[in-house]
């Protein structure tokens, strides 16, 4: 199995697969990204040992199942899970290269949050082997995976991806390609309405999070945006806004756009709506 992209999602997906005994290659052109992925996986394994979820021996086994490479020639396998930046051009460029290196039977699964699987299929060979496999952050902990069928995706491909999800101890939820799929379309207003409340001066991010968490949610919208990454969250809002022809209910927030412009992307940069010690 190949995970293309060594960011937060890519490292989490790779760790989740290795914990279930699968050999994984994390491929990324940036050596620093690969080093960061290795460190992140190490921290997660340290935590699991501390909580007595795994033994030191199990940690070694998991680490030995994961390899890291900046050489595209190493990015071959029976399934490729793409987890790079949320831009169609970048995904098409990378997956075109990987498709040429792999066999016609290799499944290409994109971890896109909201980009069209149909559009991705149109740009790649063997579109019946292309589908969405949308994990949620942190991917090594969250159980849900949206399994997205494009108009050309074969039933065999969907069944293989769903079986892989179950093997990785995830819960596959099936859907057909549509802007935002299920979760991001429904959740968009959880974020956008919360942002609007703060823009209007109705409450602060801390007050909104406290209210939501006291209502039973594990995490408020602003803490969750910081965890996901402001850039990713904004990109999903923009994607839905464009897909639904500028529907006002999906209009991106100026407050969030300002955070992205300032480089305050959340936990991964040390500051978002809250400060973090990375």
C-alpha atoms as a PDB file:
ATOM      1  CA  UNK A   1       0.000   0.000   0.000  1.00  0.00           C
ATOM      2  CA  UNK A   2       1.233   3.494  -0.863  1.00  0.00           C
ATOM      3  CA  UNK A   3       0.211   6.688   0.908  1.00  0.00           C
ATOM      4  CA  UNK A   4       1.068   9.653  -1.315  1.00  0.00           C
ATOM      5  CA  UNK A   5       1.565  12.695   0.879  1.00  0.00           C
ATOM      6  CA  UNK A   6       3.414  12.862   4.202  1.00  0.00           C
ATOM      7  CA  UNK A   7       1.285  15.494   5.900  1.00  0.00           C
ATOM      8  CA  UNK A   8      -0.950  15.093   8.931  1.00  0.00           C
ATOM      9  CA  UNK A   9      -3.527  13.010   7.083  1.00  0.00           C
ATOM     10  CA  UNK A  10      -0.994  10.912   5.196  1.00  0.00           C
ATOM     11  CA  UNK A  11       0.967   9.975   8.309  1.00  0.00           C
ATOM     12  CA  UNK A  12      -2.242   9.161  10.171  1.00  0.00           C
ATOM     13  CA  UNK A  13      -3.526   6.931   7.354  1.00  0.00           C
ATOM     14  CA  UNK A  14      -0.186   5.130   7.133  1.00  0.00           C
ATOM     15  CA  UNK A  15      -0.063   4.537  10.883  1.00  0.00           C
ATOM     16  CA  UNK A  16      -3.614   3.213  10.901  1.00  0.00           C
ATOM     17  CA  UNK A  17      -2.746   0.743   8.128  1.00  0.00           C
ATOM     18  CA  UNK A  18       0.498  -0.388   9.770  1.00  0.00           C
ATOM     19  CA  UNK A  19      -1.274  -0.964  13.088  1.00  0.00           C
ATOM     20  CA  UNK A  20      -3.349  -3.561  11.271  1.00  0.00           C
ATOM     21  CA  UNK A  21      -0.319  -5.299   9.808  1.00  0.00           C
ATOM     22  CA  UNK A  22      -0.153  -3.730   6.341  1.00  0.00           C
ATOM     23  CA  UNK A  23       3.129  -2.729   4.736  1.00  0.00           C
ATOM     24  CA  UNK A  24       3.010   0.949   3.820  1.00  0.00           C
ATOM     25  CA  UNK A  25       5.223   3.240   1.776  1.00  0.00           C
ATOM     26  CA  UNK A  26       4.798   6.949   2.516  1.00  0.00           C
ATOM     27  CA  UNK A  27       5.804   8.847  -0.612  1.00  0.00           C
ATOM     28  CA  UNK A  28       6.474  12.577  -0.671  1.00  0.00           C
ATOM     29  CA  UNK A  29       8.805  14.696  -2.784  1.00  0.00           C
ATOM     30  CA  UNK A  30       9.807  16.734   0.297  1.00  0.00           C
ATOM     31  CA  UNK A  31      12.358  15.089   2.593  1.00  0.00           C
ATOM     32  CA  UNK A  32      11.357  17.427   5.418  1.00  0.00           C
ATOM     33  CA  UNK A  33       7.775  16.221   5.064  1.00  0.00           C
ATOM     34  CA  UNK A  34       8.904  12.622   5.385  1.00  0.00           C
ATOM     35  CA  UNK A  35      10.955  13.481   8.485  1.00  0.00           C
ATOM     36  CA  UNK A  36       7.959  15.237  10.029  1.00  0.00           C
ATOM     37  CA  UNK A  37       5.746  12.239   9.257  1.00  0.00           C
ATOM     38  CA  UNK A  38       8.233   9.917  10.940  1.00  0.00           C
ATOM     39  CA  UNK A  39       8.311  12.158  14.018  1.00  0.00           C
ATOM     40  CA  UNK A  40       4.510  12.401  14.137  1.00  0.00           C
ATOM     41  CA  UNK A  41       4.137   8.630  13.904  1.00  0.00           C
ATOM     42  CA  UNK A  42       6.767   8.229  16.625  1.00  0.00           C
ATOM     43  CA  UNK A  43       4.847  10.585  18.921  1.00  0.00           C
ATOM     44  CA  UNK A  44       1.634   8.680  18.330  1.00  0.00           C
ATOM     45  CA  UNK A  45       3.348   5.388  19.119  1.00  0.00           C
ATOM     46  CA  UNK A  46       4.879   6.911  22.277  1.00  0.00           C
ATOM     47  CA  UNK A  47       1.378   7.884  23.365  1.00  0.00           C
ATOM     48  CA  UNK A  48       0.023   4.383  22.703  1.00  0.00           C
ATOM     49  CA  UNK A  49       2.809   2.852  24.793  1.00  0.00           C
ATOM     50  CA  UNK A  50       2.195   5.357  27.593  1.00  0.00           C
ATOM     51  CA  UNK A  51      -1.491   4.439  27.600  1.00  0.00           C
ATOM     52  CA  UNK A  52      -0.545   0.728  27.500  1.00  0.00           C
ATOM     53  CA  UNK A  53      -2.395   0.259  24.210  1.00  0.00           C
ATOM     54  CA  UNK A  54       0.651  -1.386  22.602  1.00  0.00           C
ATOM     55  CA  UNK A  55       3.894  -2.953  23.806  1.00  0.00           C
ATOM     56  CA  UNK A  56       7.430  -1.905  22.867  1.00  0.00           C
ATOM     57  CA  UNK A  57       7.624  -5.009  20.689  1.00  0.00           C
ATOM     58  CA  UNK A  58       4.425  -4.065  18.874  1.00  0.00           C
ATOM     59  CA  UNK A  59       5.778  -0.558  18.339  1.00  0.00           C
ATOM     60  CA  UNK A  60       8.858  -1.974  16.622  1.00  0.00           C
ATOM     61  CA  UNK A  61       6.692  -4.176  14.409  1.00  0.00           C
ATOM     62  CA  UNK A  62       4.526  -1.200  13.381  1.00  0.00           C
ATOM     63  CA  UNK A  63       7.536   1.004  12.654  1.00  0.00           C
ATOM     64  CA  UNK A  64       9.123  -1.721  10.536  1.00  0.00           C
ATOM     65  CA  UNK A  65       5.995  -1.895   8.380  1.00  0.00           C
ATOM     66  CA  UNK A  66       6.312   1.768   7.379  1.00  0.00           C
ATOM     67  CA  UNK A  67       8.932   2.977   4.916  1.00  0.00           C
ATOM     68  CA  UNK A  68       9.516   6.529   3.708  1.00  0.00           C
ATOM     69  CA  UNK A  69      10.589   7.565   0.222  1.00  0.00           C
ATOM     70  CA  UNK A  70      11.009  10.679  -1.895  1.00  0.00           C
ATOM     71  CA  UNK A  71      11.631   8.488  -4.950  1.00  0.00           C
ATOM     72  CA  UNK A  72       8.550   8.105  -7.111  1.00  0.00           C
ATOM     73  CA  UNK A  73       9.816   4.700  -8.273  1.00  0.00           C
ATOM     74  CA  UNK A  74       9.066   3.363  -4.790  1.00  0.00           C
ATOM     75  CA  UNK A  75       5.427   4.467  -4.980  1.00  0.00           C
ATOM     76  CA  UNK A  76       4.030   1.220  -6.350  1.00  0.00           C
ATOM     77  CA  UNK A  77       1.492  -1.126  -4.819  1.00  0.00           C
ATOM     78  CA  UNK A  78      -1.950  -2.674  -5.009  1.00  0.00           C
ATOM     79  CA  UNK A  79      -3.615   0.465  -3.677  1.00  0.00           C
ATOM     80  CA  UNK A  80      -2.560   4.100  -3.598  1.00  0.00           C
ATOM     81  CA  UNK A  81      -4.187   6.497  -1.132  1.00  0.00           C
ATOM     82  CA  UNK A  82      -3.537  10.084  -2.181  1.00  0.00           C
ATOM     83  CA  UNK A  83      -3.470  12.621   0.646  1.00  0.00           C
ATOM     84  CA  UNK A  84      -1.906  15.812  -0.713  1.00  0.00           C
ATOM     85  CA  UNK A  85      -3.019  19.445  -0.979  1.00  0.00           C
ATOM     86  CA  UNK A  86      -6.700  20.008  -1.773  1.00  0.00           C
ATOM     87  CA  UNK A  87      -6.146  21.216  -5.344  1.00  0.00           C
ATOM     88  CA  UNK A  88      -7.398  19.271  -8.346  1.00  0.00           C
ATOM     89  CA  UNK A  89      -4.443  20.234 -10.553  1.00  0.00           C
ATOM     90  CA  UNK A  90      -1.943  18.925  -8.007  1.00  0.00           C
ATOM     91  CA  UNK A  91      -3.857  15.690  -7.504  1.00  0.00           C
ATOM     92  CA  UNK A  92      -4.187  15.037 -11.235  1.00  0.00           C
ATOM     93  CA  UNK A  93      -0.494  15.765 -11.818  1.00  0.00           C
ATOM     94  CA  UNK A  94       0.654  13.385  -9.075  1.00  0.00           C
ATOM     95  CA  UNK A  95      -1.818  10.593  -9.780  1.00  0.00           C
ATOM     96  CA  UNK A  96      -1.103  10.669 -13.519  1.00  0.00           C
ATOM     97  CA  UNK A  97       2.552   9.948 -12.723  1.00  0.00           C
ATOM     98  CA  UNK A  98       1.679   7.220 -10.235  1.00  0.00           C
ATOM     99  CA  UNK A  99      -0.837   5.595 -12.579  1.00  0.00           C
ATOM    100  CA  UNK A 100       1.876   5.328 -15.246  1.00  0.00           C
ATOM    101  CA  UNK A 101       4.196   3.573 -12.780  1.00  0.00           C
ATOM    102  CA  UNK A 102       1.604   1.132 -11.480  1.00  0.00           C
ATOM    103  CA  UNK A 103      -0.366  -1.674 -13.074  1.00  0.00           C
ATOM    104  CA  UNK A 104      -3.850  -1.355 -14.515  1.00  0.00           C
ATOM    105  CA  UNK A 105      -5.169  -3.253 -11.487  1.00  0.00           C
ATOM    106  CA  UNK A 106      -3.859  -0.722  -8.934  1.00  0.00           C
ATOM    107  CA  UNK A 107      -6.641   1.114  -7.129  1.00  0.00           C
ATOM    108  CA  UNK A 108      -6.262   4.873  -6.785  1.00  0.00           C
ATOM    109  CA  UNK A 109      -8.167   6.303  -3.828  1.00  0.00           C
ATOM    110  CA  UNK A 110      -8.212  10.033  -3.142  1.00  0.00           C
ATOM    111  CA  UNK A 111      -8.561  11.365   0.402  1.00  0.00           C
ATOM    112  CA  UNK A 112     -10.098  14.559  -0.976  1.00  0.00           C
ATOM    113  CA  UNK A 113     -12.529  16.309   1.366  1.00  0.00           C
ATOM    114  CA  UNK A 114     -14.762  17.733  -1.339  1.00  0.00           C
ATOM    115  CA  UNK A 115     -13.233  17.682  -4.837  1.00  0.00           C
ATOM    116  CA  UNK A 116     -15.070  15.770  -7.549  1.00  0.00           C
ATOM    117  CA  UNK A 117     -14.156  12.111  -7.985  1.00  0.00           C
ATOM    118  CA  UNK A 118     -15.872  12.245 -11.381  1.00  0.00           C
ATOM    119  CA  UNK A 119     -13.519  15.010 -12.524  1.00  0.00           C
ATOM    120  CA  UNK A 120     -10.521  13.115 -11.180  1.00  0.00           C
ATOM    121  CA  UNK A 121     -11.588   9.989 -13.080  1.00  0.00           C
ATOM    122  CA  UNK A 122     -11.831  11.906 -16.356  1.00  0.00           C
ATOM    123  CA  UNK A 123      -8.143  12.820 -16.096  1.00  0.00           C
ATOM    124  CA  UNK A 124      -6.794   9.356 -15.221  1.00  0.00           C
ATOM    125  CA  UNK A 125      -6.476   6.009 -17.017  1.00  0.00           C
ATOM    126  CA  UNK A 126      -8.588   3.077 -15.803  1.00  0.00           C
ATOM    127  CA  UNK A 127     -11.286   5.299 -14.193  1.00  0.00           C
ATOM    128  CA  UNK A 128     -13.081   2.202 -12.914  1.00  0.00           C
ATOM    129  CA  UNK A 129     -10.200   1.824 -10.410  1.00  0.00           C
ATOM    130  CA  UNK A 130     -10.525   5.405  -9.083  1.00  0.00           C
ATOM    131  CA  UNK A 131     -12.631   6.304  -6.034  1.00  0.00           C
ATOM    132  CA  UNK A 132     -12.726   8.476  -2.938  1.00  0.00           C
ATOM    133  CA  UNK A 133     -11.470   7.265   0.437  1.00  0.00           C
ATOM    134  CA  UNK A 134     -12.047  10.217   2.738  1.00  0.00           C
ATOM    135  CA  UNK A 135     -10.538   9.809   6.205  1.00  0.00           C
ATOM    136  CA  UNK A 136     -11.087  12.251   9.054  1.00  0.00           C
ATOM    137  CA  UNK A 137      -8.461  13.891  11.248  1.00  0.00           C
ATOM    138  CA  UNK A 138      -6.770  12.357  13.198  1.00  0.00           C
ATOM    139  CA  UNK A 139      -6.929   9.493  10.705  1.00  0.00           C
ATOM    140  CA  UNK A 140      -5.329   6.941  13.037  1.00  0.00           C
ATOM    141  CA  UNK A 141      -8.094   7.529  15.612  1.00  0.00           C
ATOM    142  CA  UNK A 142     -11.274   8.558  13.792  1.00  0.00           C
ATOM    143  CA  UNK A 143     -13.331   5.575  12.661  1.00  0.00           C
ATOM    144  CA  UNK A 144     -15.359   7.043   9.811  1.00  0.00           C
ATOM    145  CA  UNK A 145     -14.216   6.767   6.192  1.00  0.00           C
ATOM    146  CA  UNK A 146     -16.412   8.017   3.345  1.00  0.00           C
ATOM    147  CA  UNK A 147     -16.122   5.604   0.414  1.00  0.00           C
ATOM    148  CA  UNK A 148     -17.030   7.697  -2.615  1.00  0.00           C
ATOM    149  CA  UNK A 149     -18.179   6.144  -5.883  1.00  0.00           C
ATOM    150  CA  UNK A 150     -17.574   8.158  -9.037  1.00  0.00           C
ATOM    151  CA  UNK A 151     -19.677   7.632 -12.158  1.00  0.00           C
ATOM    152  CA  UNK A 152     -17.095   5.173 -13.540  1.00  0.00           C
ATOM    153  CA  UNK A 153     -16.017   3.436 -10.331  1.00  0.00           C
ATOM    154  CA  UNK A 154     -16.554  -0.315 -10.466  1.00  0.00           C
ATOM    155  CA  UNK A 155     -18.357  -2.255  -7.761  1.00  0.00           C
ATOM    156  CA  UNK A 156     -15.222  -4.370  -7.353  1.00  0.00           C
ATOM    157  CA  UNK A 157     -13.181  -1.258  -6.534  1.00  0.00           C
ATOM    158  CA  UNK A 158     -15.737  -0.075  -3.992  1.00  0.00           C
ATOM    159  CA  UNK A 159     -15.814  -3.509  -2.350  1.00  0.00           C
ATOM    160  CA  UNK A 160     -12.012  -3.639  -2.104  1.00  0.00           C
ATOM    161  CA  UNK A 161     -11.827  -0.186  -0.533  1.00  0.00           C
ATOM    162  CA  UNK A 162     -14.625  -0.973   1.927  1.00  0.00           C
ATOM    163  CA  UNK A 163     -12.890  -4.224   2.894  1.00  0.00           C
ATOM    164  CA  UNK A 164      -9.643  -2.309   3.441  1.00  0.00           C
ATOM    165  CA  UNK A 165     -11.471   0.132   5.707  1.00  0.00           C
ATOM    166  CA  UNK A 166     -12.795  -2.741   7.815  1.00  0.00           C
ATOM    167  CA  UNK A 167      -9.337  -4.331   7.903  1.00  0.00           C
ATOM    168  CA  UNK A 168      -8.019  -0.994   9.217  1.00  0.00           C
ATOM    169  CA  UNK A 169     -10.761  -1.062  11.879  1.00  0.00           C
ATOM    170  CA  UNK A 170     -12.634   1.806  10.242  1.00  0.00           C
ATOM    171  CA  UNK A 171     -16.327   2.201   9.474  1.00  0.00           C
ATOM    172  CA  UNK A 172     -16.926   2.691   5.725  1.00  0.00           C
ATOM    173  CA  UNK A 173     -19.911   4.841   4.770  1.00  0.00           C
ATOM    174  CA  UNK A 174     -20.833   4.618   1.091  1.00  0.00           C
ATOM    175  CA  UNK A 175     -21.887   7.611  -0.986  1.00  0.00           C
ATOM    176  CA  UNK A 176     -21.880   8.750  -4.604  1.00  0.00           C
ATOM    177  CA  UNK A 177     -19.832  11.701  -5.801  1.00  0.00           C
ATOM    178  CA  UNK A 178     -21.383  15.015  -4.804  1.00  0.00           C
ATOM    179  CA  UNK A 179     -19.846  18.299  -3.581  1.00  0.00           C
ATOM    180  CA  UNK A 180     -18.749  17.820   0.035  1.00  0.00           C
ATOM    181  CA  UNK A 181     -19.942  14.194  -0.011  1.00  0.00           C
ATOM    182  CA  UNK A 182     -21.950  13.647   3.227  1.00  0.00           C
ATOM    183  CA  UNK A 183     -20.013  14.957   6.212  1.00  0.00           C
ATOM    184  CA  UNK A 184     -18.521  18.142   4.790  1.00  0.00           C
ATOM    185  CA  UNK A 185     -21.786  19.193   3.200  1.00  0.00           C
ATOM    186  CA  UNK A 186     -23.693  18.754   6.462  1.00  0.00           C
ATOM    187  CA  UNK A 187     -20.915  20.103   8.693  1.00  0.00           C
ATOM    188  CA  UNK A 188     -20.246  23.228   6.616  1.00  0.00           C
ATOM    189  CA  UNK A 189     -22.874  25.185   8.526  1.00  0.00           C
ATOM    190  CA  UNK A 190     -21.469  24.034  11.867  1.00  0.00           C
ATOM    191  CA  UNK A 191     -18.367  26.048  10.963  1.00  0.00           C
ATOM    192  CA  UNK A 192     -19.844  28.860   8.859  1.00  0.00           C
ATOM    193  CA  UNK A 193     -22.615  29.789  11.306  1.00  0.00           C
ATOM    194  CA  UNK A 194     -20.140  29.755  14.203  1.00  0.00           C
ATOM    195  CA  UNK A 195     -17.801  32.019  12.236  1.00  0.00           C
ATOM    196  CA  UNK A 196     -20.689  34.347  11.417  1.00  0.00           C
ATOM    197  CA  UNK A 197     -21.584  34.630  15.121  1.00  0.00           C
ATOM    198  CA  UNK A 198     -18.054  35.797  15.896  1.00  0.00           C
ATOM    199  CA  UNK A 199     -17.963  38.161  12.889  1.00  0.00           C
ATOM    200  CA  UNK A 200     -21.258  39.691  14.083  1.00  0.00           C
ATOM    201  CA  UNK A 201     -19.867  40.176  17.598  1.00  0.00           C
ATOM    202  CA  UNK A 202     -22.470  37.872  19.118  1.00  0.00           C
ATOM    203  CA  UNK A 203     -19.855  35.785  20.933  1.00  0.00           C
ATOM    204  CA  UNK A 204     -16.164  34.918  21.024  1.00  0.00           C
ATOM    205  CA  UNK A 205     -14.670  31.653  19.707  1.00  0.00           C
ATOM    206  CA  UNK A 206     -14.182  30.538  23.309  1.00  0.00           C
ATOM    207  CA  UNK A 207     -17.824  31.209  24.169  1.00  0.00           C
ATOM    208  CA  UNK A 208     -19.086  29.399  21.079  1.00  0.00           C
ATOM    209  CA  UNK A 209     -16.907  26.365  21.793  1.00  0.00           C
ATOM    210  CA  UNK A 210     -17.960  26.279  25.454  1.00  0.00           C
ATOM    211  CA  UNK A 211     -21.643  26.381  24.508  1.00  0.00           C
ATOM    212  CA  UNK A 212     -21.319  23.611  21.926  1.00  0.00           C
ATOM    213  CA  UNK A 213     -19.203  21.413  24.189  1.00  0.00           C
ATOM    214  CA  UNK A 214     -21.644  21.871  27.090  1.00  0.00           C
ATOM    215  CA  UNK A 215     -24.377  20.728  24.730  1.00  0.00           C
ATOM    216  CA  UNK A 216     -22.582  17.388  24.408  1.00  0.00           C
ATOM    217  CA  UNK A 217     -20.183  17.854  21.489  1.00  0.00           C
ATOM    218  CA  UNK A 218     -16.662  16.606  22.119  1.00  0.00           C
ATOM    219  CA  UNK A 219     -15.136  19.660  20.456  1.00  0.00           C
ATOM    220  CA  UNK A 220     -16.457  23.083  19.506  1.00  0.00           C
ATOM    221  CA  UNK A 221     -16.253  24.455  15.950  1.00  0.00           C
ATOM    222  CA  UNK A 222     -13.245  26.717  16.529  1.00  0.00           C
ATOM    223  CA  UNK A 223     -11.163  24.048  18.246  1.00  0.00           C
ATOM    224  CA  UNK A 224     -12.118  21.667  15.460  1.00  0.00           C
ATOM    225  CA  UNK A 225     -11.134  24.134  12.738  1.00  0.00           C
ATOM    226  CA  UNK A 226      -7.770  24.571  14.474  1.00  0.00           C
ATOM    227  CA  UNK A 227      -7.316  20.799  14.508  1.00  0.00           C
ATOM    228  CA  UNK A 228      -8.308  20.281  10.865  1.00  0.00           C
ATOM    229  CA  UNK A 229      -6.295  23.253   9.608  1.00  0.00           C
ATOM    230  CA  UNK A 230      -7.742  26.602   8.604  1.00  0.00           C
ATOM    231  CA  UNK A 231      -6.449  26.295   5.037  1.00  0.00           C
ATOM    232  CA  UNK A 232      -8.111  22.924   4.522  1.00  0.00           C
ATOM    233  CA  UNK A 233     -11.380  24.022   6.098  1.00  0.00           C
ATOM    234  CA  UNK A 234     -11.495  27.190   4.003  1.00  0.00           C
ATOM    235  CA  UNK A 235     -10.692  25.247   0.823  1.00  0.00           C
ATOM    236  CA  UNK A 236     -13.638  22.928   1.452  1.00  0.00           C
ATOM    237  CA  UNK A 237     -15.985  25.882   1.982  1.00  0.00           C
ATOM    238  CA  UNK A 238     -14.730  27.495  -1.240  1.00  0.00           C
ATOM    239  CA  UNK A 239     -15.120  24.222  -3.116  1.00  0.00           C
ATOM    240  CA  UNK A 240     -18.768  23.861  -2.061  1.00  0.00           C
ATOM    241  CA  UNK A 241     -19.450  27.547  -2.705  1.00  0.00           C
ATOM    242  CA  UNK A 242     -18.144  27.150  -6.262  1.00  0.00           C
ATOM    243  CA  UNK A 243     -19.881  23.814  -6.833  1.00  0.00           C
ATOM    244  CA  UNK A 244     -23.258  25.251  -5.820  1.00  0.00           C
ATOM    245  CA  UNK A 245     -22.841  28.356  -8.024  1.00  0.00           C
ATOM    246  CA  UNK A 246     -22.245  30.821  -5.209  1.00  0.00           C
ATOM    247  CA  UNK A 247     -25.088  29.693  -2.946  1.00  0.00           C
ATOM    248  CA  UNK A 248     -25.000  32.065   0.025  1.00  0.00           C
ATOM    249  CA  UNK A 249     -25.278  29.222   2.531  1.00  0.00           C
ATOM    250  CA  UNK A 250     -21.801  28.027   1.515  1.00  0.00           C
ATOM    251  CA  UNK A 251     -20.113  31.456   1.302  1.00  0.00           C
ATOM    252  CA  UNK A 252     -16.632  31.252   2.876  1.00  0.00           C
ATOM    253  CA  UNK A 253     -15.981  33.337   5.973  1.00  0.00           C
ATOM    254  CA  UNK A 254     -13.900  36.520   5.724  1.00  0.00           C
ATOM    255  CA  UNK A 255     -12.647  35.848   9.259  1.00  0.00           C
ATOM    256  CA  UNK A 256     -11.312  32.435   8.292  1.00  0.00           C
ATOM    257  CA  UNK A 257      -9.802  33.817   5.076  1.00  0.00           C
ATOM    258  CA  UNK A 258      -7.947  36.417   7.165  1.00  0.00           C
ATOM    259  CA  UNK A 259      -6.557  33.663   9.401  1.00  0.00           C
ATOM    260  CA  UNK A 260      -5.270  31.781   6.359  1.00  0.00           C
ATOM    261  CA  UNK A 261      -3.726  34.950   4.883  1.00  0.00           C
ATOM    262  CA  UNK A 262      -1.921  35.546   8.195  1.00  0.00           C
ATOM    263  CA  UNK A 263      -0.593  31.976   8.249  1.00  0.00           C
ATOM    264  CA  UNK A 264      -2.570  31.217  11.412  1.00  0.00           C
ATOM    265  CA  UNK A 265      -3.713  27.784  10.274  1.00  0.00           C
ATOM    266  CA  UNK A 266      -4.339  26.231  13.679  1.00  0.00           C
ATOM    267  CA  UNK A 267      -2.528  23.593  15.634  1.00  0.00           C
ATOM    268  CA  UNK A 268      -0.070  22.755  12.843  1.00  0.00           C
ATOM    269  CA  UNK A 269       1.336  26.312  12.785  1.00  0.00           C
ATOM    270  CA  UNK A 270       1.122  26.970  16.522  1.00  0.00           C
ATOM    271  CA  UNK A 271      -1.710  29.489  16.259  1.00  0.00           C
ATOM    272  CA  UNK A 272      -5.239  29.612  14.940  1.00  0.00           C
ATOM    273  CA  UNK A 273      -8.168  30.727  17.030  1.00  0.00           C
ATOM    274  CA  UNK A 274      -6.120  29.425  19.968  1.00  0.00           C
ATOM    275  CA  UNK A 275      -2.340  29.355  20.669  1.00  0.00           C
ATOM    276  CA  UNK A 276      -0.476  26.015  20.702  1.00  0.00           C
ATOM    277  CA  UNK A 277       2.915  24.860  21.890  1.00  0.00           C
ATOM    278  CA  UNK A 278       4.109  22.606  19.078  1.00  0.00           C
END
